[in-house]
Amino acid sequence: MTKKKKRWLQVGISLITILLIIDIIAGVYFYNLAIERNVKDFLVGNSDLEVSAEAMDVFTEGDWRDWVRDQEFEQMEMTSYDGLKLKGYFLKAKKPTDKTIVLAHGYLGRATDMGLYGQYYYENLGYNIFMPDFRGHGQSEGDYIGFGWHDRLI
């Protein structure tokens, strides 16, 4: 191998090594920022997440939180494929039905946040309701947020 080829090989390997190190550092940073189960400071004061006053009134002043507290949910627990205890809450409809709605919370949410919608489906439409806490949320175990990817394997 000539000196010129050796030099280019060294440059190529050095460049790949530097890029790999940068990739690892960025991966760890973004994992800790968005996926690890912790407080998400970057969401505090974010104007993109502002909610209209009308919507906020429904969320904060509506009686749905009292409704959730007053219900006798059957607490369900299952073990995920990787050994985590995952929790969910089931409420049987007043009249027997084969209709069940699964209310899935969003990023950083928990099952009971879906009570606003659960109340509607239960009271107005007569559905059974099931509200799970996904891994890394609410009462379910997990050190990270899986965005439903791991939960699909249950």
Protein backbone atom coordinates (compact mmCIF):
# COMPACT_ATOMS: atom_id res chain seq x y z
CA MET A 1 0.00 0.00 0.00
CA THR A 2 1.38 3.39 -0.93
CA LYS A 3 1.89 6.25 1.52
CA LYS A 4 -0.85 8.24 -0.19
CA LYS A 5 -3.39 5.41 0.20
CA LYS A 6 -2.40 4.90 3.85
CA ARG A 7 -2.85 8.61 4.51
CA TRP A 8 -6.36 8.63 2.95
CA LEU A 9 -7.25 5.51 4.92
CA GLN A 10 -6.16 7.22 8.15
CA VAL A 11 -8.13 10.35 7.27
CA GLY A 12 -11.22 8.26 6.46
CA ILE A 13 -11.01 6.24 9.68
CA SER A 14 -10.45 9.43 11.72
CA LEU A 15 -13.43 11.13 10.10
CA ILE A 16 -15.67 8.10 10.73
CA THR A 17 -14.48 7.92 14.35
CA ILE A 18 -15.21 11.62 14.93
CA LEU A 19 -18.66 11.30 13.38
CA LEU A 20 -19.40 8.23 15.48
CA ILE A 21 -18.41 10.05 18.67
CA ILE A 22 -20.60 13.03 17.74
CA ASP A 23 -23.49 10.66 16.98
CA ILE A 24 -23.16 8.92 20.35
CA ILE A 25 -23.02 12.22 22.25
CA ALA A 26 -26.07 13.57 20.38
CA GLY A 27 -27.97 10.32 20.96
CA VAL A 28 -27.37 10.41 24.70
CA TYR A 29 -28.33 14.10 24.86
CA PHE A 30 -31.62 13.64 22.99
CA TYR A 31 -32.46 10.45 24.90
CA ASN A 32 -32.11 12.34 28.19
CA LEU A 33 -34.01 15.31 26.80
CA ALA A 34 -37.08 13.61 25.33
CA ILE A 35 -37.28 9.91 26.14
CA GLU A 36 -35.97 9.40 29.68
CA ARG A 37 -38.68 9.60 32.34
CA ASN A 38 -38.02 13.02 33.90
CA VAL A 39 -39.24 16.63 33.99
CA LYS A 40 -39.20 18.18 30.52
CA ASP A 41 -37.98 21.73 31.09
CA PHE A 42 -38.00 22.51 27.37
CA LEU A 43 -41.80 22.34 27.39
CA VAL A 44 -42.26 24.95 30.12
CA GLY A 45 -43.16 28.37 28.72
CA ASN A 46 -43.29 27.09 25.14
CA SER A 47 -45.68 29.38 23.24
CA ASP A 48 -46.35 26.64 20.68
CA LEU A 49 -48.09 24.67 23.43
CA GLU A 50 -50.43 27.43 24.56
CA VAL A 51 -54.10 26.45 24.77
CA SER A 52 -56.99 28.81 24.11
CA ALA A 53 -58.80 30.22 27.13
CA GLU A 54 -62.00 28.39 26.15
CA ALA A 55 -60.26 25.04 25.92
CA MET A 56 -58.38 25.64 29.16
CA ASP A 57 -61.68 26.36 30.93
CA VAL A 58 -62.99 22.96 29.84
CA PHE A 59 -59.81 21.23 30.98
CA THR A 60 -59.42 22.94 34.33
CA GLU A 61 -62.91 23.90 35.40
CA GLY A 62 -64.96 21.08 33.96
CA ASP A 63 -66.45 18.53 36.32
CA TRP A 64 -64.74 15.67 34.48
CA ARG A 65 -61.98 15.40 37.13
CA ASP A 66 -64.64 14.91 39.80
CA TRP A 67 -66.36 12.42 37.53
CA VAL A 68 -63.12 10.40 37.20
CA ARG A 69 -62.60 10.42 40.99
CA ASP A 70 -66.20 9.29 41.59
CA GLN A 71 -66.04 6.26 39.29
CA GLU A 72 -65.23 2.79 40.50
CA PHE A 73 -62.68 1.84 37.87
CA GLU A 74 -61.46 -1.73 37.84
CA GLN A 75 -57.71 -1.42 38.10
CA MET A 76 -55.99 -3.74 35.68
CA GLU A 77 -52.36 -4.73 35.66
CA MET A 78 -50.31 -6.69 33.22
CA THR A 79 -46.69 -7.55 32.80
CA SER A 80 -45.00 -6.46 29.59
CA TYR A 81 -42.76 -8.75 27.58
CA ASP A 82 -39.76 -7.21 29.36
CA GLY A 83 -41.15 -7.53 32.90
CA LEU A 84 -42.66 -4.09 33.59
CA LYS A 85 -45.94 -3.70 35.47
CA LEU A 86 -48.32 -1.71 33.28
CA LYS A 87 -51.55 -0.30 34.73
CA GLY A 88 -54.90 0.46 33.20
CA TYR A 89 -58.39 1.41 34.32
CA PHE A 90 -61.61 -0.18 33.04
CA LEU A 91 -65.14 1.07 33.62
CA LYS A 92 -68.02 -1.15 32.63
CA ALA A 93 -70.94 0.65 30.97
CA LYS A 94 -74.19 1.12 32.89
CA LYS A 95 -76.00 -1.16 30.44
CA PRO A 96 -74.35 -4.27 29.00
CA THR A 97 -72.63 -3.56 25.69
CA ASP A 98 -69.91 -4.96 23.50
CA LYS A 99 -68.64 -1.45 22.72
CA THR A 100 -65.43 -0.46 24.45
CA ILE A 101 -63.34 2.59 23.76
CA VAL A 102 -59.64 2.66 24.51
CA LEU A 103 -58.56 6.18 25.43
CA ALA A 104 -54.82 6.65 24.95
CA HIS A 105 -53.08 9.62 26.56
CA GLY A 106 -50.35 11.62 24.87
CA TYR A 107 -46.72 12.46 25.56
CA LEU A 108 -46.13 12.89 29.32
CA GLY A 109 -49.81 12.22 30.06
CA ARG A 110 -51.52 9.60 32.19
CA ALA A 111 -54.67 7.54 31.92
CA THR A 112 -56.87 9.77 34.05
CA ASP A 113 -56.14 12.73 31.74
CA MET A 114 -58.50 11.04 29.31
CA GLY A 115 -61.42 11.31 31.74
CA LEU A 116 -62.74 14.34 29.85
CA TYR A 117 -63.38 12.10 26.85
CA GLY A 118 -64.19 9.04 28.93
CA GLN A 119 -67.07 10.84 30.60
CA TYR A 120 -68.60 11.63 27.20
CA TYR A 121 -68.30 8.08 25.86
CA TYR A 122 -69.57 6.60 29.11
CA GLU A 123 -72.44 8.99 29.89
CA ASN A 124 -73.64 9.93 26.40
CA LEU A 125 -72.82 6.91 24.25
CA GLY A 126 -72.98 4.07 26.79
CA TYR A 127 -69.52 2.61 26.09
CA ASN A 128 -67.24 0.61 28.36
CA ILE A 129 -64.05 2.63 28.73
CA PHE A 130 -60.47 1.54 29.16
CA MET A 131 -57.70 4.02 29.93
CA PRO A 132 -54.13 2.66 30.10
CA ASP A 133 -51.02 4.26 31.54
CA PHE A 134 -48.34 3.54 28.96
CA ARG A 135 -44.79 2.59 29.93
CA GLY A 136 -42.99 5.41 31.65
CA HIS A 137 -46.24 7.25 32.39
CA GLY A 138 -48.62 7.51 35.34
CA GLN A 139 -48.69 4.40 37.54
CA SER A 140 -46.99 2.13 35.00
CA GLU A 141 -43.37 1.20 35.42
CA GLY A 142 -40.61 2.17 33.03
CA ASP A 143 -37.60 4.44 33.00
CA TYR A 144 -38.25 5.78 29.53
CA ILE A 145 -41.07 6.79 27.23
CA GLY A 146 -41.56 4.25 24.47
CA PHE A 147 -44.09 6.20 22.37
CA GLY A 148 -46.16 3.00 22.13
CA TRP A 149 -43.49 1.11 20.20
CA HIS A 150 -42.74 -1.41 22.98
CA ASP A 151 -46.32 -1.49 24.22
CA ARG A 152 -47.48 -2.93 20.90
CA LEU A 153 -45.67 -6.18 21.75
CA ILE A 154 -47.77 -6.98 24.82
